[in-house]
Protein backbone atom coordinates (compact mmCIF):
# COMPACT_ATOMS: atom_id res chain seq x y z
CA TYR A 1 110.23 95.21 102.19
CA ALA A 2 106.43 93.81 101.97
CA PHE A 3 105.12 92.87 98.51
CA VAL A 4 103.51 90.29 96.70
CA ARG A 5 105.25 88.84 93.76
CA THR A 6 103.09 89.29 90.52
CA THR A 7 103.67 89.40 86.93
CA ALA A 8 102.08 91.89 84.51
CA LYS A 9 99.20 91.25 82.24
CA PRO A 10 100.31 91.35 78.58
CA THR A 11 98.51 94.76 77.83
CA ALA A 12 99.46 96.24 81.46
CA ASP A 13 101.61 99.46 81.84
CA VAL A 14 104.12 98.57 84.52
CA HIS A 15 104.63 102.01 86.56
CA LEU A 16 106.83 100.75 89.62
CA VAL A 17 108.97 97.64 90.08
CA ALA A 18 110.66 95.80 92.89
CA THR A 19 113.60 93.70 93.08
CA ASP A 20 112.60 89.96 94.55
CA ASP A 21 114.87 87.82 96.59
CA GLU A 22 116.48 86.29 93.27
CA GLY A 23 117.11 89.60 91.63
CA GLU A 24 114.41 89.51 89.40
CA GLN A 25 112.38 92.95 88.75
CA VAL A 26 108.56 92.24 89.24
CA PRO A 27 105.65 94.73 88.88
CA LEU A 28 104.72 96.44 92.07
CA MET A 29 102.12 98.95 90.41
CA ALA A 30 100.72 98.32 87.11
CA SER A 31 97.59 99.77 85.20
CA TRP A 32 95.19 98.39 82.24
CA ARG A 33 92.08 99.10 80.54
CA TYR A 34 89.09 97.18 81.61
CA GLY A 35 85.82 97.41 79.49
CA ASN A 36 85.15 101.36 79.61
CA GLY A 37 87.48 101.99 82.64
CA HIS A 38 91.03 101.41 84.05
CA VAL A 39 92.29 99.06 86.60
CA LEU A 40 95.40 100.05 89.32
CA ALA A 41 97.20 97.24 90.86
CA LEU A 42 99.53 97.90 93.77
CA ALA A 43 101.14 94.61 94.94
CA THR A 44 101.96 96.24 98.57
CA HIS A 45 100.43 98.37 101.07
CA GLY A 46 100.19 101.86 100.19
CA ALA A 47 100.91 102.63 104.13
CA GLY A 48 101.62 99.80 106.66
CA ALA A 49 104.17 97.26 107.24
CA GLY A 50 107.12 97.21 105.30
CA THR A 51 106.66 100.62 103.76
CA ALA A 52 108.28 103.01 106.25
CA GLU A 53 111.21 103.89 104.20
CA TRP A 54 108.86 104.56 101.09
CA ILE A 55 106.42 106.94 103.17
CA GLN A 56 109.53 109.03 104.07
CA MET A 57 110.49 109.58 100.45
CA PRO A 58 109.49 113.14 99.30
CA GLU A 59 108.00 111.92 96.13
CA TYR A 60 105.61 109.55 98.01
CA PRO A 61 102.75 112.08 98.31
CA LEU A 62 103.47 113.41 94.82
CA MET A 63 103.10 109.59 93.59
CA TRP A 64 99.45 109.15 95.34
CA SER A 65 98.26 112.63 94.09
CA GLN A 66 99.28 111.88 90.26
CA THR A 67 98.01 108.36 90.60
CA ILE A 68 94.65 109.34 91.72
CA ARG A 69 94.26 112.16 89.41
CA GLN A 70 94.99 109.84 86.48
CA PHE A 71 91.85 107.53 87.74
CA LEU A 72 89.48 110.33 88.37
CA PRO A 73 86.87 110.93 85.83
CA ASP A 74 87.44 113.80 83.50
CA ALA A 75 86.60 117.22 84.91
CA GLN A 76 85.01 118.68 81.73
CA GLY A 77 82.46 121.33 82.04
CA ARG A 78 83.89 122.35 85.56
CA THR A 79 84.99 125.81 85.95
CA ALA A 80 88.19 126.76 87.85
CA ARG A 81 87.77 128.84 91.07
């Protein structure tokens, strides 16, 4: 229910969309490369005003764990315990 209306950069990968008041789909979560890194943009609260229904979704924790895992540095050289 609460998000900032945005537009995607031409090189962005849009991962989540929201429908605005005019019925148009707009990016809610997108990512792109910047220099040697990655940028993730979320146009709403991760938790807070307007996200109560979103937080109750069973997929919500999975979405965040997959998102964070995607943006963590590679774990090469580490051994599994």
